[in-house]
Amino acid sequence: MRSAAQRTRLLRQRLLTATAIVAGAWLAYGVLVGGGDDEPEVAMADEGRGYFVNSAQLTEFGPDGAPRIVLRADTIEQQLADQTVLLEKLAIDYQTAEAGA
């Protein structure tokens, strides 16, 4: 027959093992299922967007009326949270006085 100390130690080991198994199963379930919170994040991301433009071209004209700076971007997106503007696939053409234009 086991002493009271041995039974207590065995009970603690079993309780710790059971807790570890439950925690591991819960963690594995969360990883495999993915949490299911993807859709609310997308909805919140849309609320933080100001304007959105596809295939944009912005032109600044010089004093002579000729194009001085031409900016092209596949997308332009304003972030309302910090008022930044994100540009993707950006290309800039510009004329300078040194180039003789």
PDB file of N, CA and C in Angstrom:
ATOM      1  N   MET A   1       0.834  -1.169   0.000  1.00  0.00           N
ATOM      2  CA  MET A   1       0.000   0.000   0.000  1.00  0.00           C
ATOM      3  C   MET A   1       0.889   1.245   0.000  1.00  0.00           C
ATOM      4  N   ARG A   2       0.408   2.293  -0.698  1.00  0.00           N
ATOM      5  CA  ARG A   2       1.187   3.522  -0.820  1.00  0.00           C
ATOM      6  C   ARG A   2       0.936   4.433   0.373  1.00  0.00           C
ATOM      7  N   SER A   3       1.956   5.183   0.686  1.00  0.00           N
ATOM      8  CA  SER A   3       1.804   6.143   1.785  1.00  0.00           C
ATOM      9  C   SER A   3       1.038   7.363   1.282  1.00  0.00           C
ATOM     10  N   ALA A   4       0.629   8.219   2.207  1.00  0.00           N
ATOM     11  CA  ALA A   4      -0.123   9.432   1.852  1.00  0.00           C
ATOM     12  C   ALA A   4       0.722  10.351   0.982  1.00  0.00           C
ATOM     13  N   ALA A   5       2.015  10.439   1.223  1.00  0.00           N
ATOM     14  CA  ALA A   5       2.906  11.296   0.435  1.00  0.00           C
ATOM     15  C   ALA A   5       3.011  10.784  -0.998  1.00  0.00           C
ATOM     16  N   GLN A   6       3.074   9.455  -1.169  1.00  0.00           N
ATOM     17  CA  GLN A   6       3.165   8.886  -2.513  1.00  0.00           C
ATOM     18  C   GLN A   6       1.860   9.100  -3.287  1.00  0.00           C
ATOM     19  N   ARG A   7       0.730   8.969  -2.611  1.00  0.00           N
ATOM     20  CA  ARG A   7      -0.563   9.190  -3.275  1.00  0.00           C
ATOM     21  C   ARG A   7      -0.710  10.653  -3.691  1.00  0.00           C
ATOM     22  N   THR A   8      -0.280  11.575  -2.840  1.00  0.00           N
ATOM     23  CA  THR A   8      -0.354  12.999  -3.153  1.00  0.00           C
ATOM     24  C   THR A   8       0.522  13.335  -4.354  1.00  0.00           C
ATOM     25  N   ARG A   9       1.735  12.775  -4.368  1.00  0.00           N
ATOM     26  CA  ARG A   9       2.655  13.026  -5.485  1.00  0.00           C
ATOM     27  C   ARG A   9       2.092  12.444  -6.783  1.00  0.00           C
ATOM     28  N   LEU A  10       1.519  11.266  -6.742  1.00  0.00           N
ATOM     29  CA  LEU A  10       0.920  10.625  -7.907  1.00  0.00           C
ATOM     30  C   LEU A  10      -0.281  11.433  -8.400  1.00  0.00           C
ATOM     31  N   LEU A  11      -1.088  11.932  -7.478  1.00  0.00           N
ATOM     32  CA  LEU A  11      -2.236  12.754  -7.845  1.00  0.00           C
ATOM     33  C   LEU A  11      -1.786  14.041  -8.521  1.00  0.00           C
ATOM     34  N   ARG A  12      -0.735  14.667  -7.997  1.00  0.00           N
ATOM     35  CA  ARG A  12      -0.202  15.900  -8.609  1.00  0.00           C
ATOM     36  C   ARG A  12       0.318  15.624 -10.016  1.00  0.00           C
ATOM     37  N   GLN A  13       1.026  14.518 -10.201  1.00  0.00           N
ATOM     38  CA  GLN A  13       1.545  14.165 -11.519  1.00  0.00           C
ATOM     39  C   GLN A  13       0.408  13.943 -12.516  1.00  0.00           C
ATOM     40  N   ARG A  14      -0.626  13.232 -12.100  1.00  0.00           N
ATOM     41  CA  ARG A  14      -1.769  12.992 -12.982  1.00  0.00           C
ATOM     42  C   ARG A  14      -2.504  14.278 -13.314  1.00  0.00           C
ATOM     43  N   LEU A  15      -2.669  15.144 -12.337  1.00  0.00           N
ATOM     44  CA  LEU A  15      -3.329  16.426 -12.566  1.00  0.00           C
ATOM     45  C   LEU A  15      -2.522  17.295 -13.517  1.00  0.00           C
ATOM     46  N   LEU A  16      -1.209  17.326 -13.335  1.00  0.00           N
ATOM     47  CA  LEU A  16      -0.343  18.095 -14.216  1.00  0.00           C
ATOM     48  C   LEU A  16      -0.365  17.531 -15.632  1.00  0.00           C
ATOM     49  N   THR A  17      -0.346  16.215 -15.763  1.00  0.00           N
ATOM     50  CA  THR A  17      -0.409  15.576 -17.081  1.00  0.00           C
ATOM     51  C   THR A  17      -1.729  15.884 -17.774  1.00  0.00           C
ATOM     52  N   ALA A  18      -2.835  15.787 -17.036  1.00  0.00           N
ATOM     53  CA  ALA A  18      -4.148  16.075 -17.610  1.00  0.00           C
ATOM     54  C   ALA A  18      -4.238  17.537 -18.050  1.00  0.00           C
ATOM     55  N   THR A  19      -3.719  18.450 -17.240  1.00  0.00           N
ATOM     56  CA  THR A  19      -3.728  19.865 -17.588  1.00  0.00           C
ATOM     57  C   THR A  19      -2.908  20.124 -18.844  1.00  0.00           C
ATOM     58  N   ALA A  20      -1.731  19.488 -18.945  1.00  0.00           N
ATOM     59  CA  ALA A  20      -0.878  19.649 -20.124  1.00  0.00           C
ATOM     60  C   ALA A  20      -1.555  19.111 -21.375  1.00  0.00           C
ATOM     61  N   ILE A  21      -2.243  17.995 -21.266  1.00  0.00           N
ATOM     62  CA  ILE A  21      -2.944  17.422 -22.417  1.00  0.00           C
ATOM     63  C   ILE A  21      -4.075  18.344 -22.874  1.00  0.00           C
ATOM     64  N   VAL A  22      -4.854  18.873 -21.932  1.00  0.00           N
ATOM     65  CA  VAL A  22      -5.949  19.778 -22.283  1.00  0.00           C
ATOM     66  C   VAL A  22      -5.401  21.055 -22.917  1.00  0.00           C
ATOM     67  N   ALA A  23      -4.347  21.621 -22.350  1.00  0.00           N
ATOM     68  CA  ALA A  23      -3.760  22.839 -22.909  1.00  0.00           C
ATOM     69  C   ALA A  23      -3.186  22.580 -24.302  1.00  0.00           C
ATOM     70  N   GLY A  24      -2.533  21.463 -24.499  1.00  0.00           N
ATOM     71  CA  GLY A  24      -1.990  21.118 -25.811  1.00  0.00           C
ATOM     72  C   GLY A  24      -3.082  20.921 -26.846  1.00  0.00           C
ATOM     73  N   ALA A  25      -4.152  20.261 -26.468  1.00  0.00           N
ATOM     74  CA  ALA A  25      -5.273  20.057 -27.388  1.00  0.00           C
ATOM     75  C   ALA A  25      -5.927  21.374 -27.748  1.00  0.00           C
ATOM     76  N   TRP A  26      -6.086  22.256 -26.770  1.00  0.00           N
ATOM     77  CA  TRP A  26      -6.677  23.576 -27.013  1.00  0.00           C
ATOM     78  C   TRP A  26      -5.798  24.389 -27.950  1.00  0.00           C
ATOM     79  N   LEU A  27      -4.499  24.363 -27.751  1.00  0.00           N
ATOM     80  CA  LEU A  27      -3.566  25.081 -28.612  1.00  0.00           C
ATOM     81  C   LEU A  27      -3.572  24.503 -30.025  1.00  0.00           C
ATOM     82  N   ALA A  28      -3.551  23.191 -30.157  1.00  0.00           N
ATOM     83  CA  ALA A  28      -3.579  22.556 -31.479  1.00  0.00           C
ATOM     84  C   ALA A  28      -4.876  22.886 -32.207  1.00  0.00           C
ATOM     85  N   TYR A  29      -5.989  22.875 -31.502  1.00  0.00           N
ATOM     86  CA  TYR A  29      -7.265  23.225 -32.117  1.00  0.00           C
ATOM     87  C   TYR A  29      -7.241  24.668 -32.626  1.00  0.00           C
ATOM     88  N   GLY A  30      -6.718  25.583 -31.835  1.00  0.00           N
ATOM     89  CA  GLY A  30      -6.633  26.984 -32.253  1.00  0.00           C
ATOM     90  C   GLY A  30      -5.765  27.177 -33.477  1.00  0.00           C
ATOM     91  N   VAL A  31      -4.667  26.446 -33.562  1.00  0.00           N
ATOM     92  CA  VAL A  31      -3.771  26.561 -34.707  1.00  0.00           C
ATOM     93  C   VAL A  31      -4.406  25.954 -35.949  1.00  0.00           C
ATOM     94  N   LEU A  32      -5.011  24.774 -35.816  1.00  0.00           N
ATOM     95  CA  LEU A  32      -5.586  24.093 -36.966  1.00  0.00           C
ATOM     96  C   LEU A  32      -6.837  24.774 -37.496  1.00  0.00           C
ATOM     97  N   VAL A  33      -7.670  25.264 -36.626  1.00  0.00           N
ATOM     98  CA  VAL A  33      -8.906  25.906 -37.053  1.00  0.00           C
ATOM     99  C   VAL A  33      -8.635  27.331 -37.509  1.00  0.00           C
ATOM    100  N   GLY A  34      -7.675  28.000 -36.927  1.00  0.00           N
ATOM    101  CA  GLY A  34      -7.316  29.346 -37.338  1.00  0.00           C
ATOM    102  C   GLY A  34      -8.023  30.444 -36.577  1.00  0.00           C
ATOM    103  N   GLY A  35      -8.768  30.129 -35.596  1.00  0.00           N
ATOM    104  CA  GLY A  35      -9.378  31.154 -34.760  1.00  0.00           C
ATOM    105  C   GLY A  35     -10.694  31.679 -35.308  1.00  0.00           C
ATOM    106  N   GLY A  36     -10.895  31.736 -36.624  1.00  0.00           N
ATOM    107  CA  GLY A  36     -12.133  32.208 -37.214  1.00  0.00           C
ATOM    108  C   GLY A  36     -12.364  33.697 -37.083  1.00  0.00           C
ATOM    109  N   ASP A  37     -11.366  34.494 -36.719  1.00  0.00           N
ATOM    110  CA  ASP A  37     -11.527  35.932 -36.550  1.00  0.00           C
ATOM    111  C   ASP A  37     -11.061  36.716 -37.768  1.00  0.00           C
ATOM    112  N   ASP A  38     -10.911  36.079 -38.920  1.00  0.00           N
ATOM    113  CA  ASP A  38     -10.387  36.763 -40.097  1.00  0.00           C
ATOM    114  C   ASP A  38     -11.343  37.806 -40.651  1.00  0.00           C
ATOM    115  N   GLU A  39     -12.616  37.520 -40.706  1.00  0.00           N
ATOM    116  CA  GLU A  39     -13.568  38.432 -41.324  1.00  0.00           C
ATOM    117  C   GLU A  39     -13.702  39.764 -40.578  1.00  0.00           C
ATOM    118  N   PRO A  40     -13.809  39.809 -39.251  1.00  0.00           N
ATOM    119  CA  PRO A  40     -13.883  41.103 -38.572  1.00  0.00           C
ATOM    120  C   PRO A  40     -12.644  41.966 -38.789  1.00  0.00           C
ATOM    121  N   GLU A  41     -11.464  41.366 -38.919  1.00  0.00           N
ATOM    122  CA  GLU A  41     -10.258  42.157 -39.163  1.00  0.00           C
ATOM    123  C   GLU A  41     -10.320  42.828 -40.519  1.00  0.00           C
ATOM    124  N   VAL A  42     -10.847  42.136 -41.521  1.00  0.00           N
ATOM    125  CA  VAL A  42     -10.967  42.718 -42.851  1.00  0.00           C
ATOM    126  C   VAL A  42     -11.943  43.887 -42.819  1.00  0.00           C
ATOM    127  N   ALA A  43     -13.042  43.720 -42.111  1.00  0.00           N
ATOM    128  CA  ALA A  43     -14.025  44.797 -42.025  1.00  0.00           C
ATOM    129  C   ALA A  43     -13.429  46.014 -41.334  1.00  0.00           C
ATOM    130  N   MET A  44     -12.620  45.805 -40.294  1.00  0.00           N
ATOM    131  CA  MET A  44     -12.003  46.927 -39.606  1.00  0.00           C
ATOM    132  C   MET A  44     -10.948  47.581 -40.481  1.00  0.00           C
ATOM    133  N   ALA A  45     -10.234  46.811 -41.304  1.00  0.00           N
ATOM    134  CA  ALA A  45      -9.217  47.379 -42.179  1.00  0.00           C
ATOM    135  C   ALA A  45      -9.864  48.288 -43.214  1.00  0.00           C
ATOM    136  N   ASP A  46     -11.064  47.928 -43.714  1.00  0.00           N
ATOM    137  CA  ASP A  46     -11.752  48.762 -44.688  1.00  0.00           C
ATOM    138  C   ASP A  46     -12.193  50.083 -44.085  1.00  0.00           C
ATOM    139  N   GLU A  47     -12.550  50.086 -42.818  1.00  0.00           N
ATOM    140  CA  GLU A  47     -12.970  51.322 -42.167  1.00  0.00           C
ATOM    141  C   GLU A  47     -11.816  52.304 -42.032  1.00  0.00           C
ATOM    142  N   GLY A  48     -10.574  51.811 -41.991  1.00  0.00           N
ATOM    143  CA  GLY A  48      -9.417  52.679 -41.830  1.00  0.00           C
ATOM    144  C   GLY A  48      -8.895  53.224 -43.139  1.00  0.00           C
ATOM    145  N   ARG A  49      -9.561  52.905 -44.250  1.00  0.00           N
ATOM    146  CA  ARG A  49      -9.093  53.359 -45.548  1.00  0.00           C
ATOM    147  C   ARG A  49      -9.876  54.585 -45.982  1.00  0.00           C
ATOM    148  N   GLY A  50      -9.174  55.575 -46.487  1.00  0.00           N
ATOM    149  CA  GLY A  50      -9.820  56.764 -47.036  1.00  0.00           C
ATOM    150  C   GLY A  50     -10.138  56.517 -48.492  1.00  0.00           C
ATOM    151  N   TYR A  51      -9.396  57.177 -49.378  1.00  0.00           N
ATOM    152  CA  TYR A  51      -9.624  56.946 -50.794  1.00  0.00           C
ATOM    153  C   TYR A  51      -8.739  55.817 -51.304  1.00  0.00           C
ATOM    154  N   PHE A  52      -9.147  55.221 -52.432  1.00  0.00           N
ATOM    155  CA  PHE A  52      -8.419  54.124 -53.062  1.00  0.00           C
ATOM    156  C   PHE A  52      -8.543  54.313 -54.561  1.00  0.00           C
ATOM    157  N   VAL A  53      -7.394  54.338 -55.278  1.00  0.00           N
ATOM    158  CA  VAL A  53      -7.384  54.589 -56.713  1.00  0.00           C
ATOM    159  C   VAL A  53      -6.567  53.503 -57.397  1.00  0.00           C
ATOM    160  N   ASN A  54      -7.071  52.974 -58.516  1.00  0.00           N
ATOM    161  CA  ASN A  54      -6.347  52.011 -59.337  1.00  0.00           C
ATOM    162  C   ASN A  54      -5.840  52.700 -60.599  1.00  0.00           C
ATOM    163  N   SER A  55      -4.665  52.290 -61.086  1.00  0.00           N
ATOM    164  CA  SER A  55      -4.080  52.798 -62.333  1.00  0.00           C
ATOM    165  C   SER A  55      -4.097  54.324 -62.362  1.00  0.00           C
ATOM    166  N   ALA A  56      -3.406  54.943 -61.418  1.00  0.00           N
ATOM    167  CA  ALA A  56      -3.426  56.393 -61.278  1.00  0.00           C
ATOM    168  C   ALA A  56      -2.246  57.042 -61.993  1.00  0.00           C
ATOM    169  N   GLN A  57      -2.468  58.247 -62.505  1.00  0.00           N
ATOM    170  CA  GLN A  57      -1.396  59.069 -63.070  1.00  0.00           C
ATOM    171  C   GLN A  57      -1.631  60.493 -62.609  1.00  0.00           C
ATOM    172  N   LEU A  58      -0.652  61.053 -61.914  1.00  0.00           N
ATOM    173  CA  LEU A  58      -0.705  62.431 -61.432  1.00  0.00           C
ATOM    174  C   LEU A  58       0.345  63.230 -62.185  1.00  0.00           C
ATOM    175  N   THR A  59      -0.020  64.415 -62.682  1.00  0.00           N
ATOM    176  CA  THR A  59       0.902  65.234 -63.467  1.00  0.00           C
ATOM    177  C   THR A  59       0.988  66.624 -62.856  1.00  0.00           C
ATOM    178  N   GLU A  60       2.210  67.098 -62.643  1.00  0.00           N
ATOM    179  CA  GLU A  60       2.441  68.481 -62.214  1.00  0.00           C
ATOM    180  C   GLU A  60       3.051  69.222 -63.404  1.00  0.00           C
ATOM    181  N   PHE A  61       2.468  70.374 -63.706  1.00  0.00           N
ATOM    182  CA  PHE A  61       2.937  71.163 -64.844  1.00  0.00           C
ATOM    183  C   PHE A  61       3.843  72.283 -64.380  1.00  0.00           C
ATOM    184  N   GLY A  62       4.845  72.598 -65.172  1.00  0.00           N
ATOM    185  CA  GLY A  62       5.764  73.684 -64.881  1.00  0.00           C
ATOM    186  C   GLY A  62       5.181  75.021 -65.313  1.00  0.00           C
ATOM    187  N   PRO A  63       5.931  76.131 -65.096  1.00  0.00           N
ATOM    188  CA  PRO A  63       5.441  77.469 -65.460  1.00  0.00           C
ATOM    189  C   PRO A  63       5.180  77.623 -66.965  1.00  0.00           C
ATOM    190  N   ASP A  64       5.879  76.829 -67.772  1.00  0.00           N
ATOM    191  CA  ASP A  64       5.688  76.918 -69.219  1.00  0.00           C
ATOM    192  C   ASP A  64       4.518  76.069 -69.710  1.00  0.00           C
ATOM    193  N   GLY A  65       3.843  75.355 -68.828  1.00  0.00           N
ATOM    194  CA  GLY A  65       2.693  74.542 -69.193  1.00  0.00           C
ATOM    195  C   GLY A  65       3.039  73.121 -69.597  1.00  0.00           C
ATOM    196  N   ALA A  66       4.327  72.797 -69.634  1.00  0.00           N
ATOM    197  CA  ALA A  66       4.750  71.448 -69.996  1.00  0.00           C
ATOM    198  C   ALA A  66       4.759  70.559 -68.746  1.00  0.00           C
ATOM    199  N   PRO A  67       4.533  69.266 -68.902  1.00  0.00           N
ATOM    200  CA  PRO A  67       4.584  68.370 -67.738  1.00  0.00           C
ATOM    201  C   PRO A  67       5.971  68.387 -67.103  1.00  0.00           C
ATOM    202  N   ARG A  68       6.032  68.662 -65.806  1.00  0.00           N
ATOM    203  CA  ARG A  68       7.300  68.701 -65.080  1.00  0.00           C
ATOM    204  C   ARG A  68       7.529  67.399 -64.322  1.00  0.00           C
ATOM    205  N   ILE A  69       6.485  66.893 -63.660  1.00  0.00           N
ATOM    206  CA  ILE A  69       6.563  65.630 -62.931  1.00  0.00           C
ATOM    207  C   ILE A  69       5.335  64.799 -63.302  1.00  0.00           C
ATOM    208  N   VAL A  70       5.573  63.531 -63.686  1.00  0.00           N
ATOM    209  CA  VAL A  70       4.482  62.590 -63.959  1.00  0.00           C
ATOM    210  C   VAL A  70       4.694  61.393 -63.038  1.00  0.00           C
ATOM    211  N   LEU A  71       3.707  61.121 -62.187  1.00  0.00           N
ATOM    212  CA  LEU A  71       3.758  60.029 -61.226  1.00  0.00           C
ATOM    213  C   LEU A  71       2.715  58.999 -61.634  1.00  0.00           C
ATOM    214  N   ARG A  72       3.136  57.734 -61.769  1.00  0.00           N
ATOM    215  CA  ARG A  72       2.222  56.639 -62.105  1.00  0.00           C
ATOM    216  C   ARG A  72       2.288  55.589 -60.996  1.00  0.00           C
ATOM    217  N   ALA A  73       1.115  55.072 -60.619  1.00  0.00           N
ATOM    218  CA  ALA A  73       1.053  54.022 -59.590  1.00  0.00           C
ATOM    219  C   ALA A  73      -0.084  53.073 -59.927  1.00  0.00           C
ATOM    220  N   ASP A  74       0.142  51.774 -59.659  1.00  0.00           N
ATOM    221  CA  ASP A  74      -0.931  50.797 -59.863  1.00  0.00           C
ATOM    222  C   ASP A  74      -2.064  51.037 -58.882  1.00  0.00           C
ATOM    223  N   THR A  75      -1.719  51.320 -57.614  1.00  0.00           N
ATOM    224  CA  THR A  75      -2.743  51.640 -56.621  1.00  0.00           C
ATOM    225  C   THR A  75      -2.244  52.754 -55.713  1.00  0.00           C
ATOM    226  N   ILE A  76      -3.166  53.585 -55.284  1.00  0.00           N
ATOM    227  CA  ILE A  76      -2.904  54.624 -54.284  1.00  0.00           C
ATOM    228  C   ILE A  76      -3.987  54.466 -53.224  1.00  0.00           C
ATOM    229  N   GLU A  77      -3.565  54.382 -51.955  1.00  0.00           N
ATOM    230  CA  GLU A  77      -4.514  54.143 -50.868  1.00  0.00           C
ATOM    231  C   GLU A  77      -4.186  55.032 -49.682  1.00  0.00           C
ATOM    232  N   GLN A  78      -5.171  55.771 -49.194  1.00  0.00           N
ATOM    233  CA  GLN A  78      -5.008  56.630 -48.026  1.00  0.00           C
ATOM    234  C   GLN A  78      -5.367  55.856 -46.769  1.00  0.00           C
ATOM    235  N   GLN A  79      -4.525  55.939 -45.745  1.00  0.00           N
ATOM    236  CA  GLN A  79      -4.794  55.336 -44.440  1.00  0.00           C
ATOM    237  C   GLN A  79      -5.307  56.436 -43.515  1.00  0.00           C
ATOM    238  N   LEU A  80      -6.543  56.309 -43.046  1.00  0.00           N
ATOM    239  CA  LEU A  80      -7.145  57.362 -42.231  1.00  0.00           C
ATOM    240  C   LEU A  80      -6.506  57.498 -40.858  1.00  0.00           C
ATOM    241  N   ALA A  81      -6.003  56.405 -40.312  1.00  0.00           N
ATOM    242  CA  ALA A  81      -5.476  56.435 -38.946  1.00  0.00           C
ATOM    243  C   ALA A  81      -4.349  57.444 -38.796  1.00  0.00           C
ATOM    244  N   ASP A  82      -3.419  57.464 -39.737  1.00  0.00           N
ATOM    245  CA  ASP A  82      -2.281  58.390 -39.628  1.00  0.00           C
ATOM    246  C   ASP A  82      -2.130  59.298 -40.840  1.00  0.00           C
ATOM    247  N   GLN A  83      -3.128  59.321 -41.720  1.00  0.00           N
ATOM    248  CA  GLN A  83      -3.154  60.165 -42.911  1.00  0.00           C
ATOM    249  C   GLN A  83      -1.990  59.907 -43.872  1.00  0.00           C
ATOM    250  N   THR A  84      -1.441  58.688 -43.863  1.00  0.00           N
ATOM    251  CA  THR A  84      -0.401  58.340 -44.827  1.00  0.00           C
ATOM    252  C   THR A  84      -1.049  57.867 -46.121  1.00  0.00           C
ATOM    253  N   VAL A  85      -0.259  57.865 -47.183  1.00  0.00           N
ATOM    254  CA  VAL A  85      -0.720  57.416 -48.483  1.00  0.00           C
ATOM    255  C   VAL A  85       0.238  56.335 -48.965  1.00  0.00           C
ATOM    256  N   LEU A  86      -0.306  55.158 -49.312  1.00  0.00           N
ATOM    257  CA  LEU A  86       0.491  54.037 -49.785  1.00  0.00           C
ATOM    258  C   LEU A  86       0.380  53.947 -51.297  1.00  0.00           C
ATOM    259  N   LEU A  87       1.541  53.867 -51.984  1.00  0.00           N
ATOM    260  CA  LEU A  87       1.571  53.752 -53.441  1.00  0.00           C
ATOM    261  C   LEU A  87       2.256  52.446 -53.807  1.00  0.00           C
ATOM    262  N   GLU A  88       1.647  51.676 -54.717  1.00  0.00           N
ATOM    263  CA  GLU A  88       2.232  50.412 -55.150  1.00  0.00           C
ATOM    264  C   GLU A  88       2.651  50.515 -56.604  1.00  0.00           C
ATOM    265  N   LYS A  89       3.809  49.918 -56.906  1.00  0.00           N
ATOM    266  CA  LYS A  89       4.390  49.915 -58.253  1.00  0.00           C
ATOM    267  C   LYS A  89       4.460  51.335 -58.789  1.00  0.00           C
ATOM    268  N   LEU A  90       5.262  52.133 -58.125  1.00  0.00           N
ATOM    269  CA  LEU A  90       5.392  53.554 -58.407  1.00  0.00           C
ATOM    270  C   LEU A  90       6.430  53.802 -59.489  1.00  0.00           C
ATOM    271  N   ALA A  91       6.137  54.728 -60.421  1.00  0.00           N
ATOM    272  CA  ALA A  91       7.090  55.179 -61.441  1.00  0.00           C
ATOM    273  C   ALA A  91       6.975  56.690 -61.534  1.00  0.00           C
ATOM    274  N   ILE A  92       8.126  57.375 -61.571  1.00  0.00           N
ATOM    275  CA  ILE A  92       8.143  58.833 -61.630  1.00  0.00           C
ATOM    276  C   ILE A  92       9.007  59.262 -62.812  1.00  0.00           C
ATOM    277  N   ASP A  93       8.466  60.158 -63.645  1.00  0.00           N
ATOM    278  CA  ASP A  93       9.216  60.809 -64.722  1.00  0.00           C
ATOM    279  C   ASP A  93       9.260  62.288 -64.388  1.00  0.00           C
ATOM    280  N   TYR A  94      10.438  62.899 -64.465  1.00  0.00           N
ATOM    281  CA  TYR A  94      10.530  64.318 -64.152  1.00  0.00           C
ATOM    282  C   TYR A  94      11.571  64.985 -65.035  1.00  0.00           C
ATOM    283  N   GLN A  95      11.397  66.282 -65.220  1.00  0.00           N
ATOM    284  CA  GLN A  95      12.315  67.108 -65.982  1.00  0.00           C
ATOM    285  C   GLN A  95      12.973  68.097 -65.028  1.00  0.00           C
ATOM    286  N   THR A  96      14.269  68.287 -65.172  1.00  0.00           N
ATOM    287  CA  THR A  96      14.995  69.242 -64.342  1.00  0.00           C
ATOM    288  C   THR A  96      15.644  70.301 -65.229  1.00  0.00           C
ATOM    289  N   ALA A  97      16.017  71.404 -64.610  1.00  0.00           N
ATOM    290  CA  ALA A  97      16.688  72.475 -65.359  1.00  0.00           C
ATOM    291  C   ALA A  97      18.032  72.011 -65.877  1.00  0.00           C
ATOM    292  N   GLU A  98      18.727  71.136 -65.133  1.00  0.00           N
ATOM    293  CA  GLU A  98      20.024  70.640 -65.549  1.00  0.00           C
ATOM    294  C   GLU A  98      19.930  69.763 -66.799  1.00  0.00           C
ATOM    295  N   ALA A  99      18.782  69.107 -66.986  1.00  0.00           N
ATOM    296  CA  ALA A  99      18.614  68.235 -68.152  1.00  0.00           C
ATOM    297  C   ALA A  99      18.293  69.026 -69.410  1.00  0.00           C
ATOM    298  N   GLY A 100      18.060  70.357 -69.254  1.00  0.00           N
ATOM    299  CA  GLY A 100      17.782  71.202 -70.389  1.00  0.00           C
ATOM    300  C   GLY A 100      16.346  71.152 -70.855  1.00  0.00           C
ATOM    301  N   ALA A 101      15.494  70.661 -70.024  1.00  0.00           N
ATOM    302  CA  ALA A 101      14.089  70.579 -70.432  1.00  0.00           C
ATOM    303  C   ALA A 101      13.291  71.639 -69.730  1.00  0.00           C
TER     304      ALA A 101
END
